[in-house]
Amino acid sequence: MSVSVPTFTGNSLGASAASALATSPGSGQGDAADTVVPLAELFRLLGDPTRLRIVLACVDGQRAVGAIAQGLDLSPSLVSHHLRLLRAARIVRAQRQGKQVFYRAADSHISAMLAAMLEHVAEPADNLSQDA
């Protein structure tokens, strides 16, 4: 499986996203927890290695539960359980075709986020000290 990795220039956290995260409670501009809590939940779900492998399997295109289970050497019931959680969090999207349900990454935001994370973990650790 290959995931195309987009290139990012400058601060990839947009100004509106950074502003939403920096907004303090009671400032009249919204509660930072309204943004941070769902974001933390997203990262919690993706923090499970099995769920992350399932999402990565769905990034390149739609996959049936059986194909995901076979490709990752997992039971179909375990894959279905994780997909239910991922669907509820809008990380994956389901599409029924006949008797089968196919799953794929919910949108380009999920794909881009995962690509950026993969790019980050692939960087050599010594590159991080040069940024300071």
Protein backbone atom coordinates (compact mmCIF):
# COMPACT_ATOMS: atom_id res chain seq x y z
CA MET A 1 0.00 0.00 0.00
CA SER A 2 1.35 3.41 -0.88
CA VAL A 3 0.15 6.72 0.46
CA SER A 4 1.03 9.81 -1.53
CA VAL A 5 2.55 12.38 0.77
CA PRO A 6 1.67 16.01 0.05
CA THR A 7 4.31 18.66 0.54
CA PHE A 8 3.62 21.40 3.06
CA THR A 9 5.15 24.83 3.14
CA GLY A 10 5.14 27.15 6.10
CA ASN A 11 2.75 26.55 8.97
CA SER A 12 0.36 23.82 7.83
CA LEU A 13 -1.95 24.57 10.76
CA GLY A 14 -4.10 27.25 9.14
CA ALA A 15 -4.65 30.60 10.83
CA SER A 16 -8.28 29.83 11.64
CA ALA A 17 -7.38 26.45 13.17
CA ALA A 18 -4.56 27.97 15.23
CA SER A 19 -6.93 30.73 16.35
CA ALA A 20 -9.60 28.21 17.35
CA LEU A 21 -7.09 26.23 19.40
CA ALA A 22 -5.70 29.35 21.07
CA THR A 23 -9.07 30.85 22.02
CA SER A 24 -9.37 30.94 25.77
CA PRO A 25 -12.56 30.02 27.62
CA GLY A 26 -14.76 32.98 28.46
CA SER A 27 -13.26 35.21 25.79
CA GLY A 28 -16.56 35.45 23.95
CA GLN A 29 -15.05 33.90 20.82
CA GLY A 30 -15.91 30.28 21.59
CA ASP A 31 -14.55 27.69 23.92
CA ALA A 32 -11.22 26.06 23.05
CA ALA A 33 -12.60 22.81 24.49
CA ASP A 34 -15.19 22.79 21.69
CA THR A 35 -12.27 22.22 19.31
CA VAL A 36 -9.71 20.45 21.48
CA VAL A 37 -11.95 17.71 22.85
CA PRO A 38 -13.07 16.34 19.45
CA LEU A 39 -9.50 16.63 18.19
CA ALA A 40 -8.21 14.69 21.21
CA GLU A 41 -10.86 12.02 20.56
CA LEU A 42 -9.71 11.75 16.95
CA PHE A 43 -6.11 11.23 18.05
CA ARG A 44 -7.22 8.76 20.75
CA LEU A 45 -8.97 6.64 18.13
CA LEU A 46 -5.99 6.81 15.77
CA GLY A 47 -3.64 6.04 18.68
CA ASP A 48 -4.70 2.40 18.63
CA PRO A 49 -2.31 0.55 16.27
CA THR A 50 -5.03 -1.78 14.96
CA ARG A 51 -7.40 1.08 14.15
CA LEU A 52 -4.59 3.06 12.54
CA ARG A 53 -3.69 0.09 10.33
CA ILE A 54 -7.35 -0.23 9.32
CA VAL A 55 -7.58 3.47 8.41
CA LEU A 56 -4.34 3.29 6.44
CA ALA A 57 -5.76 0.32 4.52
CA CYS A 58 -8.74 2.51 3.57
CA VAL A 59 -6.74 5.55 2.44
CA ASP A 60 -5.86 4.31 -1.06
CA GLY A 61 -9.39 3.27 -1.94
CA GLN A 62 -12.46 1.48 -0.75
CA ARG A 63 -12.07 -1.91 0.90
CA ALA A 64 -14.54 -4.51 2.10
CA VAL A 65 -14.33 -5.75 5.69
CA GLY A 66 -13.13 -9.17 4.54
CA ALA A 67 -10.35 -7.68 2.42
CA ILE A 68 -9.19 -5.47 5.29
CA ALA A 69 -9.28 -8.40 7.71
CA GLN A 70 -7.36 -10.67 5.36
CA GLY A 71 -4.79 -8.02 4.45
CA LEU A 72 -4.09 -7.19 8.09
CA ASP A 73 -4.41 -10.75 9.39
CA LEU A 74 -7.30 -9.83 11.72
CA SER A 75 -10.70 -11.36 12.30
CA PRO A 76 -13.60 -9.80 10.38
CA SER A 77 -15.50 -9.23 13.63
CA LEU A 78 -12.58 -7.27 15.12
CA VAL A 79 -12.27 -5.18 11.95
CA SER A 80 -16.04 -4.51 11.98
CA HIS A 81 -15.88 -3.40 15.61
CA HIS A 82 -13.08 -0.93 14.89
CA LEU A 83 -14.77 0.31 11.70
CA ARG A 84 -17.93 1.07 13.68
CA LEU A 85 -15.92 3.35 16.00
CA LEU A 86 -14.06 4.94 13.10
CA ARG A 87 -17.32 5.59 11.23
CA ALA A 88 -18.90 7.21 14.28
CA ALA A 89 -15.92 9.58 14.47
CA ARG A 90 -16.19 10.36 10.72
CA ILE A 91 -12.71 8.96 10.05
CA VAL A 92 -13.97 6.40 7.54
CA ARG A 93 -17.04 6.37 5.31
CA ALA A 94 -19.10 3.32 4.39
CA GLN A 95 -20.80 2.62 1.08
CA ARG A 96 -23.07 -0.36 0.55
CA GLN A 97 -22.87 -2.17 -2.80
CA GLY A 98 -25.26 -5.07 -2.86
CA LYS A 99 -24.61 -7.25 0.18
CA GLN A 100 -21.15 -5.85 0.84
CA VAL A 101 -20.12 -2.66 2.62
CA PHE A 102 -16.97 -0.91 1.44
CA TYR A 103 -14.98 1.51 3.58
CA ARG A 104 -12.65 4.34 2.64
CA ALA A 105 -11.09 7.36 4.34
CA ALA A 106 -13.88 9.83 5.02
CA ASP A 107 -12.33 12.74 3.15
CA SER A 108 -9.15 14.42 1.98
CA HIS A 109 -8.55 15.89 5.46
CA ILE A 110 -8.07 12.41 6.92
CA SER A 111 -5.80 11.34 4.05
CA ALA A 112 -3.71 14.52 4.25
CA MET A 113 -3.39 14.30 8.03
CA LEU A 114 -2.20 10.71 7.86
CA ALA A 115 0.20 11.53 5.02
CA ALA A 116 1.67 14.39 7.07
CA MET A 117 2.02 12.13 10.12
CA LEU A 118 3.74 9.44 8.04
CA GLU A 119 6.08 12.08 6.62
CA HIS A 120 6.85 13.28 10.14
CA VAL A 121 7.71 9.85 11.56
CA ALA A 122 9.86 9.08 8.50
CA GLU A 123 12.06 12.14 9.12
CA PRO A 124 15.44 11.39 10.68
CA ALA A 125 15.59 12.57 14.29
CA ASP A 126 18.69 14.68 13.60
CA ASN A 127 16.66 16.95 11.28
CA LEU A 128 14.60 18.10 14.26
CA SER A 129 17.56 19.68 16.03
CA GLN A 130 18.39 21.78 12.95
CA ASP A 131 15.03 23.58 13.08
CA ALA A 132 15.79 25.31 16.39
